[in-house]
C-alpha atoms as a PDB file:
ATOM      1  CA  MET A   1       5.895  12.403   2.967  1.00  0.00           C
ATOM      2  CA  LEU A   2       2.160  12.463   3.630  1.00  0.00           C
ATOM      3  CA  SER A   3       0.764  10.824   6.766  1.00  0.00           C
ATOM      4  CA  GLY A   4      -2.565  10.490   8.559  1.00  0.00           C
ATOM      5  CA  GLY A   5      -3.206   9.559  12.177  1.00  0.00           C
ATOM      6  CA  ALA A   6      -5.787   7.796  14.294  1.00  0.00           C
ATOM      7  CA  ASP A   7      -6.765  11.222  15.683  1.00  0.00           C
ATOM      8  CA  GLY A   8      -7.640  12.503  12.192  1.00  0.00           C
ATOM      9  CA  VAL A   9      -4.552  14.739  11.984  1.00  0.00           C
ATOM     10  CA  ILE A  10      -2.676  15.011   8.659  1.00  0.00           C
ATOM     11  CA  VAL A  11       1.040  15.851   8.580  1.00  0.00           C
ATOM     12  CA  ILE A  12       3.428  16.469   5.672  1.00  0.00           C
ATOM     13  CA  TYR A  13       7.128  15.788   6.370  1.00  0.00           C
ATOM     14  CA  ASP A  14      10.327  16.862   4.631  1.00  0.00           C
ATOM     15  CA  LEU A  15      12.411  13.695   4.189  1.00  0.00           C
ATOM     16  CA  GLU A  16      15.660  15.484   3.384  1.00  0.00           C
ATOM     17  CA  ASN A  17      18.456  14.811   5.895  1.00  0.00           C
ATOM     18  CA  TYR A  18      19.916  18.236   6.636  1.00  0.00           C
ATOM     19  CA  SER A  19      21.872  17.042   9.678  1.00  0.00           C
ATOM     20  CA  GLY A  20      24.184  14.695   7.778  1.00  0.00           C
ATOM     21  CA  LYS A  21      23.832  12.157  10.598  1.00  0.00           C
ATOM     22  CA  PRO A  22      22.768   8.512  10.045  1.00  0.00           C
ATOM     23  CA  GLN A  23      19.894   8.951  12.499  1.00  0.00           C
ATOM     24  CA  TYR A  24      17.781  12.080  12.367  1.00  0.00           C
ATOM     25  CA  THR A  25      14.239  13.352  12.862  1.00  0.00           C
ATOM     26  CA  CYS A  26      12.295  14.555   9.829  1.00  0.00           C
ATOM     27  CA  LYS A  27      10.830  18.036   9.992  1.00  0.00           C
ATOM     28  CA  ALA A  28       7.065  18.489   9.790  1.00  0.00           C
ATOM     29  CA  VAL A  29       6.425  21.007   7.008  1.00  0.00           C
ATOM     30  CA  CYS A  30       2.722  21.549   7.647  1.00  0.00           C
ATOM     31  CA  THR A  31      -0.106  20.041   9.654  1.00  0.00           C
ATOM     32  CA  VAL A  32      -3.887  19.840   9.516  1.00  0.00           C
ATOM     33  CA  GLY A  33      -4.390  19.653  13.275  1.00  0.00           C
ATOM     34  CA  ARG A  34      -7.347  19.203  15.566  1.00  0.00           C
ATOM     35  CA  SER A  35      -7.907  22.957  15.639  1.00  0.00           C
ATOM     36  CA  SER A  36      -8.536  23.041  11.891  1.00  0.00           C
ATOM     37  CA  ARG A  37     -12.153  23.199  10.770  1.00  0.00           C
ATOM     38  CA  TYR A  38     -11.272  20.823   7.925  1.00  0.00           C
ATOM     39  CA  VAL A  39      -9.680  18.050   9.981  1.00  0.00           C
ATOM     40  CA  HIS A  40     -11.156  14.524   9.814  1.00  0.00           C
ATOM     41  CA  LYS A  41     -13.310  13.713  12.842  1.00  0.00           C
ATOM     42  CA  PHE A  42     -12.066  10.134  13.152  1.00  0.00           C
ATOM     43  CA  SER A  43      -9.044   8.075  12.114  1.00  0.00           C
ATOM     44  CA  VAL A  44      -7.477   8.651   8.707  1.00  0.00           C
ATOM     45  CA  GLU A  45      -7.308   5.258   6.971  1.00  0.00           C
ATOM     46  CA  THR A  46      -5.640   6.107   3.650  1.00  0.00           C
ATOM     47  CA  VAL A  47      -3.597   9.008   2.296  1.00  0.00           C
ATOM     48  CA  GLN A  48      -2.276   9.426  -1.249  1.00  0.00           C
ATOM     49  CA  TRP A  49      -0.608  12.121  -3.288  1.00  0.00           C
ATOM     50  CA  TYR A  50      -2.087  12.913  -6.674  1.00  0.00           C
ATOM     51  CA  PRO A  51       0.231  10.809  -8.900  1.00  0.00           C
ATOM     52  CA  TYR A  52       1.200  13.632 -11.261  1.00  0.00           C
ATOM     53  CA  ASP A  53       1.373  16.660  -8.986  1.00  0.00           C
ATOM     54  CA  THR A  54       2.050  17.109  -5.265  1.00  0.00           C
ATOM     55  CA  GLY A  55      -0.162  20.180  -5.330  1.00  0.00           C
ATOM     56  CA  MET A  56      -3.050  17.864  -4.460  1.00  0.00           C
ATOM     57  CA  PHE A  57      -3.599  14.867  -2.202  1.00  0.00           C
ATOM     58  CA  VAL A  58      -6.507  12.668  -1.128  1.00  0.00           C
ATOM     59  CA  THR A  59      -7.415  11.335   2.324  1.00  0.00           C
ATOM     60  CA  SER A  60     -10.187   9.055   3.545  1.00  0.00           C
ATOM     61  CA  SER A  61     -11.442   8.412   7.038  1.00  0.00           C
ATOM     62  CA  PHE A  62     -13.742   6.536   9.349  1.00  0.00           C
ATOM     63  CA  ASP A  63     -15.786   9.733   9.510  1.00  0.00           C
ATOM     64  CA  LYS A  64     -17.365   8.465   6.252  1.00  0.00           C
ATOM     65  CA  THR A  65     -15.686  11.071   4.061  1.00  0.00           C
ATOM     66  CA  MET A  66     -12.969  11.275   1.432  1.00  0.00           C
ATOM     67  CA  LYS A  67     -11.353  14.673   0.912  1.00  0.00           C
ATOM     68  CA  VAL A  68      -9.394  16.039  -2.033  1.00  0.00           C
ATOM     69  CA  TRP A  69      -6.962  18.639  -0.662  1.00  0.00           C
ATOM     70  CA  ASP A  70      -5.222  21.669  -2.086  1.00  0.00           C
ATOM     71  CA  THR A  71      -1.687  21.254  -0.704  1.00  0.00           C
ATOM     72  CA  GLU A  72      -0.812  24.940  -0.720  1.00  0.00           C
ATOM     73  CA  MET A  73      -4.010  26.092   0.971  1.00  0.00           C
ATOM     74  CA  LEU A  74      -4.424  22.961   3.145  1.00  0.00           C
ATOM     75  CA  LYS A  75      -8.135  23.097   2.432  1.00  0.00           C
ATOM     76  CA  PRO A  76     -10.395  20.501   0.828  1.00  0.00           C
ATOM     77  CA  ALA A  77     -11.187  21.297  -2.786  1.00  0.00           C
ATOM     78  CA  GLU A  78     -13.771  18.491  -2.826  1.00  0.00           C
ATOM     79  CA  VAL A  79     -15.441  16.337  -0.177  1.00  0.00           C
ATOM     80  CA  PHE A  80     -17.128  13.018  -0.946  1.00  0.00           C
ATOM     81  CA  GLU A  81     -19.522  11.666   1.673  1.00  0.00           C
ATOM     82  CA  PHE A  82     -20.457   7.997   2.040  1.00  0.00           C
ATOM     83  CA  GLU A  83     -22.966   5.981   4.022  1.00  0.00           C
ATOM     84  CA  GLY A  84     -20.353   3.929   5.885  1.00  0.00           C
ATOM     85  CA  ASN A  85     -16.768   4.029   7.124  1.00  0.00           C
ATOM     86  CA  VAL A  86     -14.188   4.422   4.382  1.00  0.00           C
ATOM     87  CA  TYR A  87     -11.534   1.690   4.604  1.00  0.00           C
ATOM     88  CA  SER A  88      -9.484   2.416   1.532  1.00  0.00           C
ATOM     89  CA  HIS A  89      -9.201   4.516  -1.611  1.00  0.00           C
ATOM     90  CA  HIS A  90      -6.764   4.526  -4.509  1.00  0.00           C
ATOM     91  CA  LEU A  91      -5.888   6.646  -7.532  1.00  0.00           C
ATOM     92  CA  SER A  92      -4.324   4.917 -10.510  1.00  0.00           C
ATOM     93  CA  PRO A  93      -0.580   5.757 -10.713  1.00  0.00           C
ATOM     94  CA  ILE A  94      -0.562   5.462 -14.522  1.00  0.00           C
ATOM     95  CA  ALA A  95      -4.046   6.365 -15.789  1.00  0.00           C
ATOM     96  CA  ARG A  96      -4.266   8.804 -18.678  1.00  0.00           C
ATOM     97  CA  LYS A  97      -7.788   8.072 -19.882  1.00  0.00           C
ATOM     98  CA  HIS A  98      -9.553   8.446 -16.550  1.00  0.00           C
ATOM     99  CA  SER A  99      -9.136  10.220 -13.206  1.00  0.00           C
ATOM    100  CA  LEU A 100     -11.113   7.824 -11.049  1.00  0.00           C
ATOM    101  CA  ILE A 101     -10.689   7.193  -7.340  1.00  0.00           C
ATOM    102  CA  ALA A 102     -11.773   3.704  -6.296  1.00  0.00           C
ATOM    103  CA  VAL A 103     -13.242   3.684  -2.789  1.00  0.00           C
ATOM    104  CA  GLY A 104     -13.850   0.733  -0.483  1.00  0.00           C
ATOM    105  CA  THR A 105     -16.334   1.294   2.344  1.00  0.00           C
ATOM    106  CA  LYS A 106     -18.501  -0.603   4.795  1.00  0.00           C
ATOM    107  CA  ASN A 107     -21.000  -0.834   1.952  1.00  0.00           C
ATOM    108  CA  PRO A 108     -20.310  -3.863  -0.305  1.00  0.00           C
ATOM    109  CA  LYS A 109     -20.562  -1.669  -3.400  1.00  0.00           C
ATOM    110  CA  ILE A 110     -17.309  -0.163  -4.650  1.00  0.00           C
ATOM    111  CA  GLN A 111     -17.621   3.544  -5.409  1.00  0.00           C
ATOM    112  CA  LEU A 112     -15.844   5.200  -8.338  1.00  0.00           C
ATOM    113  CA  CYS A 113     -15.385   8.947  -7.874  1.00  0.00           C
ATOM    114  CA  ASP A 114     -14.298  11.181 -10.726  1.00  0.00           C
ATOM    115  CA  LEU A 115     -11.810  13.937  -9.904  1.00  0.00           C
ATOM    116  CA  LYS A 116     -12.734  15.890 -13.019  1.00  0.00           C
ATOM    117  CA  SER A 117     -16.453  16.101 -12.362  1.00  0.00           C
ATOM    118  CA  GLY A 118     -16.301  15.902  -8.574  1.00  0.00           C
ATOM    119  CA  SER A 119     -19.028  13.276  -8.468  1.00  0.00           C
ATOM    120  CA  ARG A 120     -19.535   9.571  -7.911  1.00  0.00           C
ATOM    121  CA  ILE A 121     -20.079   8.288 -11.411  1.00  0.00           C
ATOM    122  CA  HIS A 122     -20.347   4.530 -10.999  1.00  0.00           C
ATOM    123  CA  VAL A 123     -20.869   1.692  -8.536  1.00  0.00           C
ATOM    124  CA  LEU A 124     -19.236  -1.723  -8.925  1.00  0.00           C
ATOM    125  CA  GLN A 125     -21.219  -4.617  -7.516  1.00  0.00           C
ATOM    126  CA  GLY A 126     -20.075  -8.141  -6.775  1.00  0.00           C
ATOM    127  CA  HIS A 127     -19.173  -8.180  -3.089  1.00  0.00           C
ATOM    128  CA  ARG A 128     -21.509  -9.248  -0.320  1.00  0.00           C
ATOM    129  CA  ALA A 129     -19.700  -7.564   2.556  1.00  0.00           C
ATOM    130  CA  GLU A 130     -17.592  -4.491   3.302  1.00  0.00           C
ATOM    131  CA  VAL A 131     -14.643  -3.793   1.002  1.00  0.00           C
ATOM    132  CA  LEU A 132     -11.424  -3.518   3.009  1.00  0.00           C
ATOM    133  CA  SER A 133      -8.886  -2.680   0.309  1.00  0.00           C
ATOM    134  CA  VAL A 134      -8.778  -1.444  -3.281  1.00  0.00           C
ATOM    135  CA  GLN A 135      -5.833  -0.943  -5.623  1.00  0.00           C
ATOM    136  CA  TRP A 136      -5.410  -0.078  -9.293  1.00  0.00           C
ATOM    137  CA  SER A 137      -2.885  -2.013 -11.333  1.00  0.00           C
ATOM    138  CA  PRO A 138       0.390  -0.147 -12.018  1.00  0.00           C
ATOM    139  CA  ARG A 139       0.506  -1.852 -15.430  1.00  0.00           C
ATOM    140  CA  TYR A 140      -3.008  -1.558 -16.853  1.00  0.00           C
ATOM    141  CA  GLU A 141      -5.041   1.530 -16.037  1.00  0.00           C
ATOM    142  CA  HIS A 142      -8.385  -0.277 -16.308  1.00  0.00           C
ATOM    143  CA  ILE A 143      -7.609  -3.123 -13.896  1.00  0.00           C
ATOM    144  CA  LEU A 144      -8.757  -2.805 -10.299  1.00  0.00           C
ATOM    145  CA  ALA A 145      -8.146  -5.226  -7.418  1.00  0.00           C
ATOM    146  CA  THR A 146     -10.476  -5.267  -4.412  1.00  0.00           C
ATOM    147  CA  ALA A 147     -10.444  -7.163  -1.118  1.00  0.00           C
ATOM    148  CA  ARG A 148     -13.478  -7.928   0.972  1.00  0.00           C
ATOM    149  CA  GLN A 149     -14.580  -8.789   4.460  1.00  0.00           C
ATOM    150  CA  GLN A 150     -15.585 -12.443   4.746  1.00  0.00           C
ATOM    151  CA  GLY A 151     -19.264 -12.841   4.008  1.00  0.00           C
ATOM    152  CA  GLU A 152     -21.403 -15.950   3.995  1.00  0.00           C
ATOM    153  CA  SER A 153     -18.656 -17.847   2.182  1.00  0.00           C
ATOM    154  CA  MET A 154     -15.181 -17.113   0.928  1.00  0.00           C
ATOM    155  CA  GLY A 155     -15.662 -19.098  -2.254  1.00  0.00           C
ATOM    156  CA  CYS A 156     -13.863 -18.037  -5.383  1.00  0.00           C
ATOM    157  CA  ALA A 157     -11.292 -15.279  -5.598  1.00  0.00           C
ATOM    158  CA  SER A 158     -13.690 -13.053  -7.453  1.00  0.00           C
ATOM    159  CA  GLY A 159     -14.512 -12.054  -3.901  1.00  0.00           C
ATOM    160  CA  PHE A 160     -11.440  -9.842  -3.937  1.00  0.00           C
ATOM    161  CA  ARG A 161     -10.451  -9.243  -7.548  1.00  0.00           C
ATOM    162  CA  GLN A 162     -12.355  -8.322 -10.675  1.00  0.00           C
ATOM    163  CA  SER A 163     -11.205  -7.456 -14.178  1.00  0.00           C
ATOM    164  CA  LEU A 164     -12.950  -4.415 -15.589  1.00  0.00           C
ATOM    165  CA  HIS A 165     -13.329  -3.112 -19.110  1.00  0.00           C
ATOM    166  CA  PHE A 166     -14.046   0.545 -19.618  1.00  0.00           C
ATOM    167  CA  GLY A 167     -15.567   1.373 -22.971  1.00  0.00           C
ATOM    168  CA  PRO A 168     -16.616   4.847 -24.070  1.00  0.00           C
ATOM    169  CA  ALA A 169     -19.506   5.776 -21.774  1.00  0.00           C
ATOM    170  CA  GLN A 170     -19.950   2.089 -21.028  1.00  0.00           C
ATOM    171  CA  TRP A 171     -18.945  -0.077 -18.094  1.00  0.00           C
ATOM    172  CA  ARG A 172     -19.154  -3.790 -17.795  1.00  0.00           C
ATOM    173  CA  GLN A 173     -17.684  -6.479 -15.590  1.00  0.00           C
ATOM    174  CA  VAL A 174     -15.913  -9.247 -17.458  1.00  0.00           C
ATOM    175  CA  GLU A 175     -15.057 -12.723 -16.188  1.00  0.00           C
ATOM    176  CA  SER A 176     -13.666 -13.141 -12.717  1.00  0.00           C
ATOM    177  CA  PHE A 177      -9.914 -12.987 -12.352  1.00  0.00           C
ATOM    178  CA  LEU A 178      -9.534 -16.132 -10.245  1.00  0.00           C
ATOM    179  CA  ARG A 179     -12.603 -18.152 -11.008  1.00  0.00           C
ATOM    180  CA  VAL A 180     -11.945 -21.459  -9.282  1.00  0.00           C
ATOM    181  CA  HIS A 181      -9.246 -20.792  -6.738  1.00  0.00           C
ATOM    182  CA  THR A 182      -9.890 -20.282  -3.044  1.00  0.00           C
ATOM    183  CA  ALA A 183      -8.057 -17.131  -2.071  1.00  0.00           C
ATOM    184  CA  HIS A 184      -7.980 -17.319   1.737  1.00  0.00           C
ATOM    185  CA  ASN A 185      -9.807 -19.108   4.519  1.00  0.00           C
ATOM    186  CA  GLY A 186     -10.768 -15.846   6.132  1.00  0.00           C
ATOM    187  CA  ARG A 187     -11.058 -12.135   5.426  1.00  0.00           C
ATOM    188  CA  VAL A 188      -8.875 -10.809   2.622  1.00  0.00           C
ATOM    189  CA  ASN A 189      -7.675  -7.487   4.028  1.00  0.00           C
ATOM    190  CA  GLY A 190      -4.416  -6.815   2.188  1.00  0.00           C
ATOM    191  CA  LEU A 191      -3.665  -6.173  -1.487  1.00  0.00           C
ATOM    192  CA  CYS A 192      -0.482  -5.082  -3.191  1.00  0.00           C
ATOM    193  CA  PHE A 193       0.652  -5.208  -6.804  1.00  0.00           C
ATOM    194  CA  THR A 194       4.340  -5.585  -7.555  1.00  0.00           C
ATOM    195  CA  GLY A 195       5.916  -2.512  -9.143  1.00  0.00           C
ATOM    196  CA  ASP A 196       5.665  -3.961 -12.655  1.00  0.00           C
ATOM    197  CA  GLY A 197       2.073  -5.095 -12.129  1.00  0.00           C
ATOM    198  CA  LEU A 198       2.886  -8.690 -13.083  1.00  0.00           C
ATOM    199  CA  TYR A 199       1.962 -10.095  -9.682  1.00  0.00           C
ATOM    200  CA  LEU A 200      -0.625  -9.425  -7.001  1.00  0.00           C
ATOM    201  CA  LEU A 201      -0.003 -10.137  -3.311  1.00  0.00           C
ATOM    202  CA  THR A 202      -2.905 -10.833  -0.964  1.00  0.00           C
ATOM    203  CA  THR A 203      -2.988 -11.315   2.789  1.00  0.00           C
ATOM    204  CA  GLY A 204      -5.777 -12.754   4.894  1.00  0.00           C
ATOM    205  CA  THR A 205      -6.766 -13.342   8.485  1.00  0.00           C
ATOM    206  CA  ASP A 206      -5.905 -17.015   7.949  1.00  0.00           C
ATOM    207  CA  ASP A 207      -2.285 -15.859   8.510  1.00  0.00           C
ATOM    208  CA  ARG A 208      -1.354 -16.574   4.923  1.00  0.00           C
ATOM    209  CA  MET A 209       0.071 -14.470   2.101  1.00  0.00           C
ATOM    210  CA  ARG A 210      -0.299 -15.512  -1.531  1.00  0.00           C
ATOM    211  CA  LEU A 211       1.333 -14.353  -4.744  1.00  0.00           C
ATOM    212  CA  TRP A 212      -0.874 -14.425  -7.858  1.00  0.00           C
ATOM    213  CA  ASN A 213       0.071 -14.136 -11.509  1.00  0.00           C
ATOM    214  CA  SER A 214      -1.910 -11.109 -12.656  1.00  0.00           C
ATOM    215  CA  ALA A 215      -1.954 -12.257 -16.287  1.00  0.00           C
ATOM    216  CA  ASN A 216      -3.697 -15.597 -15.836  1.00  0.00           C
ATOM    217  CA  GLY A 217      -4.859 -15.496 -12.219  1.00  0.00           C
ATOM    218  CA  GLU A 218      -2.854 -18.535 -11.138  1.00  0.00           C
ATOM    219  CA  ASN A 219      -1.502 -18.982  -7.642  1.00  0.00           C
ATOM    220  CA  THR A 220       2.311 -19.089  -7.911  1.00  0.00           C
ATOM    221  CA  LEU A 221       2.340 -21.350  -4.821  1.00  0.00           C
ATOM    222  CA  VAL A 222       5.116 -19.407  -3.119  1.00  0.00           C
ATOM    223  CA  ASN A 223       5.128 -20.535   0.521  1.00  0.00           C
ATOM    224  CA  TYR A 224       5.647 -17.635   2.925  1.00  0.00           C
ATOM    225  CA  GLY A 225       4.764 -19.727   5.973  1.00  0.00           C
ATOM    226  CA  LYS A 226       2.667 -18.170   8.701  1.00  0.00           C
ATOM    227  CA  VAL A 227       2.227 -14.436   8.088  1.00  0.00           C
ATOM    228  CA  CYS A 228       0.820 -12.865  11.239  1.00  0.00           C
ATOM    229  CA  ASN A 229      -2.340 -10.871  10.488  1.00  0.00           C
ATOM    230  CA  GLU A 230      -4.429  -9.615  13.379  1.00  0.00           C
ATOM    231  CA  SER A 231      -5.688  -6.483  11.655  1.00  0.00           C
ATOM    232  CA  ARG A 232      -9.415  -5.894  11.809  1.00  0.00           C
ATOM    233  CA  LYS A 233      -9.104  -3.324   9.029  1.00  0.00           C
ATOM    234  CA  ARG A 234      -6.891  -3.014   5.946  1.00  0.00           C
ATOM    235  CA  GLN A 235      -3.380  -4.422   6.197  1.00  0.00           C
ATOM    236  CA  GLN A 236      -1.027  -2.061   4.391  1.00  0.00           C
ATOM    237  CA  LEU A 237       1.861  -4.122   3.038  1.00  0.00           C
ATOM    238  CA  THR A 238       4.284  -3.021   0.325  1.00  0.00           C
ATOM    239  CA  VAL A 239       6.858  -4.365  -2.142  1.00  0.00           C
ATOM    240  CA  SER A 240      10.336  -3.025  -2.876  1.00  0.00           C
ATOM    241  CA  ARG A 241      11.182  -1.556  -6.279  1.00  0.00           C
ATOM    242  CA  GLY A 242      14.500  -0.997  -8.012  1.00  0.00           C
ATOM    243  CA  CYS A 243      16.405  -3.717  -6.185  1.00  0.00           C
ATOM    244  CA  SER A 244      17.146  -7.378  -6.764  1.00  0.00           C
ATOM    245  CA  PRO A 245      15.854  -9.599  -5.279  1.00  0.00           C
ATOM    246  CA  GLU A 246      12.507  -7.999  -4.522  1.00  0.00           C
ATOM    247  CA  PHE A 247      11.219  -7.913  -0.950  1.00  0.00           C
ATOM    248  CA  VAL A 248       7.780  -7.838   0.663  1.00  0.00           C
ATOM    249  CA  PHE A 249       7.296  -5.780   3.830  1.00  0.00           C
ATOM    250  CA  VAL A 250       4.366  -6.858   6.019  1.00  0.00           C
ATOM    251  CA  PRO A 251       3.241  -5.423   9.400  1.00  0.00           C
ATOM    252  CA  CYS A 252       3.543  -8.182  11.998  1.00  0.00           C
ATOM    253  CA  GLY A 253       2.658  -7.123  15.518  1.00  0.00           C
ATOM    254  CA  SER A 254       5.152  -4.478  16.627  1.00  0.00           C
ATOM    255  CA  SER A 255       7.604  -5.548  13.888  1.00  0.00           C
ATOM    256  CA  VAL A 256       7.830  -5.548  10.107  1.00  0.00           C
ATOM    257  CA  ALA A 257       8.405  -8.938   8.483  1.00  0.00           C
ATOM    258  CA  VAL A 258      10.626  -8.894   5.389  1.00  0.00           C
ATOM    259  CA  TYR A 259      10.137 -11.711   2.863  1.00  0.00           C
ATOM    260  CA  ALA A 260      11.851 -12.539  -0.403  1.00  0.00           C
ATOM    261  CA  LEU A 261       9.064 -12.054  -2.958  1.00  0.00           C
ATOM    262  CA  HIS A 262       9.625 -15.065  -5.198  1.00  0.00           C
ATOM    263  CA  THR A 263      11.105 -17.616  -2.751  1.00  0.00           C
ATOM    264  CA  GLY A 264       8.987 -16.908   0.332  1.00  0.00           C
ATOM    265  CA  GLU A 265      12.031 -16.796   2.604  1.00  0.00           C
ATOM    266  CA  LEU A 266      11.687 -14.770   5.798  1.00  0.00           C
ATOM    267  CA  VAL A 267      14.731 -12.511   5.483  1.00  0.00           C
ATOM    268  CA  THR A 268      14.480 -10.604   8.763  1.00  0.00           C
ATOM    269  CA  MET A 269      12.199  -8.892  11.260  1.00  0.00           C
ATOM    270  CA  LEU A 270      12.528  -5.131  11.603  1.00  0.00           C
ATOM    271  CA  ARG A 271      12.062  -4.200  15.255  1.00  0.00           C
ATOM    272  CA  GLY A 272      11.855  -0.641  16.499  1.00  0.00           C
ATOM    273  CA  HIS A 273       8.202   0.166  17.210  1.00  0.00           C
ATOM    274  CA  TYR A 274       6.747  -0.038  20.717  1.00  0.00           C
ATOM    275  CA  ASN A 275       3.261  -0.970  19.579  1.00  0.00           C
ATOM    276  CA  ASN A 276       1.572  -2.604  16.598  1.00  0.00           C
ATOM    277  CA  VAL A 277       2.662  -1.508  13.115  1.00  0.00           C
ATOM    278  CA  ASP A 278      -0.265  -0.283  10.988  1.00  0.00           C
ATOM    279  CA  CYS A 279       1.281   0.405   7.595  1.00  0.00           C
ATOM    280  CA  CYS A 280       4.366   0.172   5.390  1.00  0.00           C
ATOM    281  CA  ALA A 281       5.420   2.283   2.394  1.00  0.00           C
ATOM    282  CA  PHE A 282       8.506   1.992   0.189  1.00  0.00           C
ATOM    283  CA  HIS A 283      10.394   4.889  -1.437  1.00  0.00           C
ATOM    284  CA  PRO A 284      12.107   3.574  -4.610  1.00  0.00           C
ATOM    285  CA  ASP A 285      14.262   6.677  -5.132  1.00  0.00           C
ATOM    286  CA  TYR A 286      15.766   6.613  -1.641  1.00  0.00           C
ATOM    287  CA  GLN A 287      15.501   2.803  -1.310  1.00  0.00           C
ATOM    288  CA  GLU A 288      13.941   3.408   2.090  1.00  0.00           C
ATOM    289  CA  LEU A 289      11.071   1.749   3.895  1.00  0.00           C
ATOM    290  CA  TYR A 290       8.696   3.722   6.135  1.00  0.00           C
ATOM    291  CA  SER A 291       6.532   2.123   8.807  1.00  0.00           C
ATOM    292  CA  GLY A 292       3.854   3.730  10.957  1.00  0.00           C
ATOM    293  CA  GLY A 293       2.581   2.297  14.228  1.00  0.00           C
ATOM    294  CA  LYS A 294       0.181   2.745  17.089  1.00  0.00           C
ATOM    295  CA  ASP A 295       3.101   4.109  19.124  1.00  0.00           C
ATOM    296  CA  CYS A 296       2.618   7.354  17.130  1.00  0.00           C
ATOM    297  CA  ASN A 297       6.007   6.927  15.442  1.00  0.00           C
ATOM    298  CA  ILE A 298       6.952   6.743  11.777  1.00  0.00           C
ATOM    299  CA  LEU A 299      10.294   4.992  11.306  1.00  0.00           C
ATOM    300  CA  ALA A 300      12.558   4.980   8.249  1.00  0.00           C
ATOM    301  CA  TRP A 301      14.546   1.847   7.442  1.00  0.00           C
ATOM    302  CA  VAL A 302      17.535   1.595   5.091  1.00  0.00           C
ATOM    303  CA  PRO A 303      19.537  -1.451   3.979  1.00  0.00           C
ATOM    304  CA  VAL A 304      22.772  -1.920   5.923  1.00  0.00           C
ATOM    305  CA  LEU A 305      25.760  -1.799   3.582  1.00  0.00           C
ATOM    306  CA  ARG A 306      28.230  -4.609   4.206  1.00  0.00           C
ATOM    307  CA  PRO A 307      31.904  -3.604   4.405  1.00  0.00           C
ATOM    308  CA  VAL A 308      33.897  -4.710   1.382  1.00  0.00           C
ATOM    309  CA  ASP A 309      36.446  -7.410   2.282  1.00  0.00           C
ATOM    310  CA  VAL A 310      39.902  -7.796   0.727  1.00  0.00           C
ATOM    311  CA  GLU A 311      38.820 -10.395  -1.839  1.00  0.00           C
ATOM    312  CA  GLU A 312      35.834  -8.331  -2.973  1.00  0.00           C
ATOM    313  CA  GLU A 313      38.013  -5.222  -3.241  1.00  0.00           C
ATOM    314  CA  SER A 314      40.490  -7.195  -5.362  1.00  0.00           C
ATOM    315  CA  ASN A 315      37.735  -8.461  -7.642  1.00  0.00           C
ATOM    316  CA  LYS A 316      36.345  -4.964  -7.922  1.00  0.00           C
ATOM    317  CA  GLY A 317      39.714  -3.639  -8.971  1.00  0.00           C
ATOM    318  CA  ALA A 318      40.063  -6.356 -11.596  1.00  0.00           C
ATOM    319  CA  ALA A 319      36.591  -5.774 -12.996  1.00  0.00           C
ATOM    320  CA  GLY A 320      36.889  -2.005 -12.880  1.00  0.00           C
ATOM    321  CA  GLN A 321      33.557  -1.547 -11.115  1.00  0.00           C
ATOM    322  CA  SER A 322      31.027  -3.476  -9.066  1.00  0.00           C
ATOM    323  CA  SER A 323      28.137  -4.890 -11.101  1.00  0.00           C
ATOM    324  CA  VAL A 324      25.575  -4.434  -8.326  1.00  0.00           C
ATOM    325  CA  ASN A 325      24.990  -1.434  -6.144  1.00  0.00           C
ATOM    326  CA  PRO A 326      25.449  -2.766  -2.576  1.00  0.00           C
ATOM    327  CA  ALA A 327      22.395  -0.793  -1.467  1.00  0.00           C
ATOM    328  CA  PHE A 328      20.290  -3.042  -3.688  1.00  0.00           C
ATOM    329  CA  GLN A 329      21.650  -6.307  -2.287  1.00  0.00           C
ATOM    330  CA  ASP A 330      19.982  -8.549   0.276  1.00  0.00           C
ATOM    331  CA  THR A 331      21.215  -6.689   3.352  1.00  0.00           C
ATOM    332  CA  TRP A 332      18.055  -5.594   5.118  1.00  0.00           C
ATOM    333  CA  SER A 333      18.510  -5.590   8.859  1.00  0.00           C
ATOM    334  CA  SER A 334      16.895  -4.209  11.967  1.00  0.00           C
ATOM    335  CA  ASP A 335      18.536  -1.855  14.440  1.00  0.00           C
ATOM    336  CA  GLU A 336      18.892  -4.702  16.922  1.00  0.00           C
ATOM    337  CA  ASP A 337      21.037  -6.650  14.470  1.00  0.00           C
END
């Protein structure tokens, strides 16, 4: 697991549980500490592995730089410098025709950096204020979602999402994704596609979360109620994958709120941090959730497996096998439960 801290330090952890105990501490494999000449000067805002090879990863920081790292050497192979703080960057998890990193900074123009050439090859205009979050679609490699700081008016949802068409040596912006809908009555600072790319989640400082159909741009009108959002920067929410029903994990103060994606139900609150939670990430292979907070802790959460009662055991014996893996059922719980 790759992590970045408010002090600029980068740490890579081994997630394997060698102790065999339910609760254990992950071992730090390597660290880019404060003594390193390559360390970020200010807080690391986003970290991401290269989607096809863990021999490379990318970090961005409030020191106005984005660095492409060689994992083995723990040295930057490329450094991109910007005029303002870098809030977010993202590499497409599926792209085969391009190797672009989308970068959101204090500048309203979205920067596209090419890993192959090591240069900034294009600028996307359309925002009037700083861009807080960017994310490529996991379904279409040429679709990019962006979230912005509130400017003179919130207006239409093109303020946070644009559809892009990449032709050979040609770039053009096509019609806005959500032309007539009001996205949020405040800053849009959180973006997250579902694993299949069919839906886009957005969060705003109006304490609301909305689920959009990514095909037609319509609001699905799922009511999540009040979703606490006090972040002045990017809110890093995430969605589960490989389980049914799907869940949304959202930082909420010192807790993580867990919602049912398509019904809006608040399933539970995960409590364990001693200070505000900054980010959430989901591991589909382990079916684990990771949360990082201002208490300098990264916590791993797993679904609690319910004991099988007599009737269920009888039904299982009659059917031969259970149809649903209990780890994928709606059993998320906090330690306090």
